[in-house]
Amino acid sequence: MSDLSELISLCKSEVLIEVNSHTISYQSVEEYFEDNYETSEKDEITDDVMAKMIELNTIVWLCVYPDTPIGSYRFFHYDIDIAVGEMLKHLKGKQSR
């Protein structure tokens, strides 16, 4: 089973993945975050990940609803495989509690 398939199987509701949404409006990574996210949301992204997103001009956004269509977890990264893997680790850790 692929990591994405496993992630989907762990969620009772939606799994959303967006890649490079900033390019639709011809924005840089910095402009996109400035216009679309609060400071607290941007603070969730580590400095090294943000720097790499800027360097690669790539934003991967992953949002999952594991338990209900109301509660979700989000994750930003520059690499889709890493994003999916990190979310899998988070959900598996949540299940083992």
N, C-alpha and C. Protein backbone atom coordinates (compact mmCIF):
# COMPACT_ATOMS: atom_id res chain seq x y z
N MET A 1 0.85 -1.17 0.00
CA MET A 1 0.00 0.00 0.00
C MET A 1 0.90 1.24 0.00
N SER A 2 0.59 2.19 -0.84
CA SER A 2 1.37 3.43 -0.86
C SER A 2 1.05 4.26 0.37
N ASP A 3 1.94 5.20 0.70
CA ASP A 3 1.70 6.07 1.85
C ASP A 3 0.41 6.87 1.68
N LEU A 4 0.16 7.35 0.46
CA LEU A 4 -1.05 8.12 0.23
C LEU A 4 -2.29 7.24 0.43
N SER A 5 -2.26 6.03 -0.09
CA SER A 5 -3.40 5.12 0.11
C SER A 5 -3.62 4.82 1.58
N GLU A 6 -2.53 4.63 2.31
CA GLU A 6 -2.64 4.36 3.75
C GLU A 6 -3.21 5.57 4.48
N LEU A 7 -2.75 6.77 4.11
CA LEU A 7 -3.28 7.98 4.71
C LEU A 7 -4.77 8.11 4.48
N ILE A 8 -5.19 7.88 3.27
CA ILE A 8 -6.62 7.95 2.93
C ILE A 8 -7.41 6.93 3.75
N SER A 9 -6.86 5.73 3.91
CA SER A 9 -7.58 4.68 4.66
C SER A 9 -7.71 5.03 6.14
N LEU A 10 -6.83 5.87 6.67
CA LEU A 10 -6.89 6.25 8.07
C LEU A 10 -7.89 7.38 8.34
N CYS A 11 -8.39 7.99 7.29
CA CYS A 11 -9.29 9.13 7.44
C CYS A 11 -10.73 8.74 7.17
N LYS A 12 -11.60 9.12 8.10
CA LYS A 12 -13.02 8.83 7.94
C LYS A 12 -13.70 9.84 7.04
N SER A 13 -13.01 10.95 6.75
CA SER A 13 -13.57 11.98 5.89
C SER A 13 -12.50 12.40 4.89
N GLU A 14 -12.53 13.61 4.50
CA GLU A 14 -11.79 14.13 3.35
C GLU A 14 -10.27 14.18 3.55
N VAL A 15 -9.56 14.01 2.43
CA VAL A 15 -8.12 14.25 2.35
C VAL A 15 -7.91 15.20 1.18
N LEU A 16 -7.28 16.34 1.47
CA LEU A 16 -7.07 17.36 0.44
C LEU A 16 -5.58 17.57 0.25
N ILE A 17 -5.16 17.68 -1.01
CA ILE A 17 -3.78 18.01 -1.33
C ILE A 17 -3.80 19.10 -2.40
N GLU A 18 -3.09 20.18 -2.13
CA GLU A 18 -2.92 21.24 -3.11
C GLU A 18 -1.43 21.43 -3.33
N VAL A 19 -1.06 21.59 -4.57
CA VAL A 19 0.34 21.84 -4.90
C VAL A 19 0.40 23.10 -5.76
N ASN A 20 1.17 24.06 -5.29
CA ASN A 20 1.45 25.29 -6.01
C ASN A 20 0.23 26.15 -6.31
N SER A 21 -0.66 26.26 -5.35
CA SER A 21 -1.83 27.13 -5.52
C SER A 21 -1.43 28.59 -5.72
N HIS A 22 -0.27 28.95 -5.24
CA HIS A 22 0.19 30.34 -5.38
C HIS A 22 0.43 30.73 -6.83
N THR A 23 0.67 29.76 -7.68
CA THR A 23 0.98 30.09 -9.08
C THR A 23 -0.26 30.53 -9.86
N ILE A 24 -1.44 30.18 -9.38
CA ILE A 24 -2.68 30.59 -10.05
C ILE A 24 -2.80 32.11 -10.07
N SER A 25 -2.34 32.74 -8.99
CA SER A 25 -2.45 34.20 -8.89
C SER A 25 -1.11 34.89 -9.13
N TYR A 26 -0.15 34.16 -9.71
CA TYR A 26 1.16 34.73 -10.04
C TYR A 26 1.85 35.34 -8.82
N GLN A 27 1.73 34.68 -7.68
CA GLN A 27 2.35 35.16 -6.46
C GLN A 27 3.59 34.34 -6.13
N SER A 28 4.49 34.97 -5.41
CA SER A 28 5.61 34.23 -4.85
C SER A 28 5.10 33.46 -3.63
N VAL A 29 5.92 32.57 -3.12
CA VAL A 29 5.56 31.84 -1.91
C VAL A 29 5.30 32.83 -0.77
N GLU A 30 6.19 33.82 -0.63
CA GLU A 30 6.04 34.80 0.45
C GLU A 30 4.75 35.59 0.31
N GLU A 31 4.45 36.07 -0.88
CA GLU A 31 3.22 36.84 -1.11
C GLU A 31 1.98 36.01 -0.81
N TYR A 32 2.01 34.76 -1.24
CA TYR A 32 0.86 33.88 -1.03
C TYR A 32 0.57 33.70 0.46
N PHE A 33 1.61 33.45 1.25
CA PHE A 33 1.40 33.27 2.69
C PHE A 33 0.97 34.58 3.34
N GLU A 34 1.55 35.68 2.90
CA GLU A 34 1.19 36.99 3.45
C GLU A 34 -0.29 37.30 3.20
N ASP A 35 -0.77 36.99 2.01
CA ASP A 35 -2.15 37.32 1.63
C ASP A 35 -3.19 36.33 2.14
N ASN A 36 -2.78 35.11 2.42
CA ASN A 36 -3.77 34.06 2.69
C ASN A 36 -3.74 33.44 4.08
N TYR A 37 -2.73 33.72 4.88
CA TYR A 37 -2.63 33.05 6.17
C TYR A 37 -2.28 34.03 7.27
N GLU A 38 -2.82 33.77 8.44
CA GLU A 38 -2.51 34.56 9.63
C GLU A 38 -1.09 34.22 10.09
N THR A 39 -0.52 35.10 10.89
CA THR A 39 0.83 34.89 11.41
C THR A 39 0.92 33.58 12.17
N SER A 40 -0.08 33.25 12.95
CA SER A 40 -0.05 32.01 13.74
C SER A 40 0.01 30.78 12.84
N GLU A 41 -0.65 30.83 11.69
CA GLU A 41 -0.61 29.71 10.76
C GLU A 41 0.76 29.60 10.10
N LYS A 42 1.35 30.74 9.76
CA LYS A 42 2.69 30.74 9.16
C LYS A 42 3.73 30.26 10.15
N ASP A 43 3.51 30.54 11.43
CA ASP A 43 4.45 30.14 12.46
C ASP A 43 4.52 28.62 12.63
N GLU A 44 3.54 27.90 12.11
CA GLU A 44 3.54 26.44 12.19
C GLU A 44 4.59 25.83 11.26
N ILE A 45 5.09 26.62 10.32
CA ILE A 45 6.06 26.14 9.34
C ILE A 45 7.46 26.47 9.84
N THR A 46 8.33 25.47 9.90
CA THR A 46 9.69 25.71 10.36
C THR A 46 10.43 26.60 9.36
N ASP A 47 11.42 27.31 9.86
CA ASP A 47 12.18 28.23 9.02
C ASP A 47 12.86 27.51 7.85
N ASP A 48 13.40 26.32 8.11
CA ASP A 48 14.09 25.59 7.04
C ASP A 48 13.12 25.12 5.97
N VAL A 49 11.92 24.70 6.36
CA VAL A 49 10.92 24.29 5.36
C VAL A 49 10.45 25.49 4.56
N MET A 50 10.21 26.61 5.23
CA MET A 50 9.79 27.81 4.51
C MET A 50 10.88 28.26 3.52
N ALA A 51 12.12 28.24 3.96
CA ALA A 51 13.23 28.63 3.08
C ALA A 51 13.29 27.74 1.84
N LYS A 52 13.06 26.46 2.03
CA LYS A 52 13.11 25.52 0.89
C LYS A 52 11.90 25.72 -0.02
N MET A 53 10.73 26.01 0.55
CA MET A 53 9.56 26.31 -0.28
C MET A 53 9.84 27.54 -1.14
N ILE A 54 10.47 28.55 -0.54
CA ILE A 54 10.79 29.76 -1.29
C ILE A 54 11.83 29.45 -2.37
N GLU A 55 12.87 28.72 -2.01
CA GLU A 55 13.92 28.36 -2.97
C GLU A 55 13.36 27.59 -4.16
N LEU A 56 12.48 26.63 -3.89
CA LEU A 56 11.93 25.79 -4.96
C LEU A 56 10.67 26.38 -5.59
N ASN A 57 10.16 27.46 -4.99
CA ASN A 57 8.89 28.07 -5.43
C ASN A 57 7.78 27.01 -5.45
N THR A 58 7.72 26.25 -4.37
CA THR A 58 6.78 25.13 -4.28
C THR A 58 6.09 25.12 -2.93
N ILE A 59 4.77 25.02 -2.96
CA ILE A 59 3.99 24.86 -1.74
C ILE A 59 3.14 23.61 -1.87
N VAL A 60 3.32 22.69 -0.94
CA VAL A 60 2.45 21.52 -0.84
C VAL A 60 1.63 21.73 0.42
N TRP A 61 0.32 21.67 0.28
CA TRP A 61 -0.60 21.82 1.41
C TRP A 61 -1.39 20.53 1.52
N LEU A 62 -1.37 19.94 2.69
CA LEU A 62 -2.08 18.70 2.96
C LEU A 62 -3.02 18.95 4.12
N CYS A 63 -4.28 18.58 3.95
CA CYS A 63 -5.28 18.75 5.00
C CYS A 63 -6.08 17.46 5.08
N VAL A 64 -6.17 16.90 6.27
CA VAL A 64 -6.91 15.65 6.46
C VAL A 64 -7.94 15.80 7.56
N TYR A 65 -9.00 15.06 7.40
CA TYR A 65 -10.10 15.00 8.38
C TYR A 65 -10.18 13.54 8.86
N PRO A 66 -9.40 13.17 9.87
CA PRO A 66 -9.31 11.76 10.24
C PRO A 66 -10.52 11.20 10.97
N ASP A 67 -11.22 12.03 11.74
CA ASP A 67 -12.28 11.50 12.59
C ASP A 67 -13.67 11.97 12.20
N THR A 68 -13.79 13.22 11.82
CA THR A 68 -15.09 13.80 11.47
C THR A 68 -14.89 14.79 10.33
N PRO A 69 -15.95 15.21 9.68
CA PRO A 69 -15.82 16.23 8.64
C PRO A 69 -15.61 17.63 9.22
N ILE A 70 -15.42 17.73 10.53
CA ILE A 70 -15.24 19.04 11.15
C ILE A 70 -13.78 19.25 11.59
N GLY A 71 -13.19 18.31 12.28
CA GLY A 71 -11.83 18.47 12.79
C GLY A 71 -10.78 18.05 11.78
N SER A 72 -9.79 18.91 11.57
CA SER A 72 -8.77 18.61 10.56
C SER A 72 -7.37 18.90 11.08
N TYR A 73 -6.40 18.36 10.37
CA TYR A 73 -4.98 18.65 10.56
C TYR A 73 -4.44 19.13 9.23
N ARG A 74 -3.58 20.16 9.30
CA ARG A 74 -2.96 20.70 8.09
C ARG A 74 -1.46 20.57 8.18
N PHE A 75 -0.84 20.54 7.02
CA PHE A 75 0.61 20.46 6.98
C PHE A 75 1.09 21.11 5.69
N PHE A 76 2.09 21.98 5.80
CA PHE A 76 2.72 22.60 4.64
C PHE A 76 4.12 22.04 4.46
N HIS A 77 4.51 21.88 3.22
CA HIS A 77 5.86 21.42 2.92
C HIS A 77 6.19 21.75 1.48
N TYR A 78 7.41 21.43 1.07
CA TYR A 78 7.82 21.60 -0.32
C TYR A 78 7.87 20.26 -1.06
N ASP A 79 7.70 19.17 -0.32
CA ASP A 79 7.80 17.82 -0.90
C ASP A 79 6.55 17.03 -0.53
N ILE A 80 5.83 16.58 -1.53
CA ILE A 80 4.56 15.89 -1.29
C ILE A 80 4.76 14.56 -0.55
N ASP A 81 5.82 13.84 -0.86
CA ASP A 81 6.06 12.55 -0.19
C ASP A 81 6.37 12.76 1.29
N ILE A 82 7.16 13.78 1.59
CA ILE A 82 7.46 14.07 2.99
C ILE A 82 6.20 14.51 3.72
N ALA A 83 5.40 15.35 3.09
CA ALA A 83 4.15 15.81 3.71
C ALA A 83 3.24 14.64 4.05
N VAL A 84 3.06 13.74 3.11
CA VAL A 84 2.20 12.57 3.35
C VAL A 84 2.80 11.70 4.45
N GLY A 85 4.11 11.48 4.41
CA GLY A 85 4.77 10.67 5.43
C GLY A 85 4.66 11.27 6.82
N GLU A 86 4.84 12.57 6.93
CA GLU A 86 4.72 13.23 8.24
C GLU A 86 3.29 13.16 8.77
N MET A 87 2.32 13.34 7.89
CA MET A 87 0.93 13.25 8.32
C MET A 87 0.60 11.82 8.76
N LEU A 88 1.11 10.85 8.05
CA LEU A 88 0.91 9.45 8.46
C LEU A 88 1.47 9.21 9.86
N LYS A 89 2.69 9.68 10.10
CA LYS A 89 3.29 9.51 11.44
C LYS A 89 2.43 10.17 12.51
N HIS A 90 1.94 11.36 12.20
CA HIS A 90 1.10 12.07 13.17
C HIS A 90 -0.18 11.27 13.47
N LEU A 91 -0.86 10.80 12.44
CA LEU A 91 -2.11 10.08 12.65
C LEU A 91 -1.88 8.74 13.35
N LYS A 92 -0.82 8.05 13.00
CA LYS A 92 -0.52 6.77 13.66
C LYS A 92 -0.17 7.00 15.14
N GLY A 93 0.54 8.08 15.43
CA GLY A 93 0.86 8.42 16.82
C GLY A 93 -0.38 8.76 17.61
N LYS A 94 -1.31 9.42 16.96
CA LYS A 94 -2.59 9.78 17.59
C LYS A 94 -3.40 8.53 17.92
N GLN A 95 -3.35 7.52 17.04
CA GLN A 95 -4.10 6.28 17.26
C GLN A 95 -3.53 5.46 18.40
N SER A 96 -2.22 5.53 18.61
CA SER A 96 -1.59 4.68 19.62
C SER A 96 -1.75 5.20 21.04
N ARG A 97 -2.36 6.37 21.17
CA ARG A 97 -2.57 6.95 22.52
C ARG A 97 -3.78 6.38 23.20
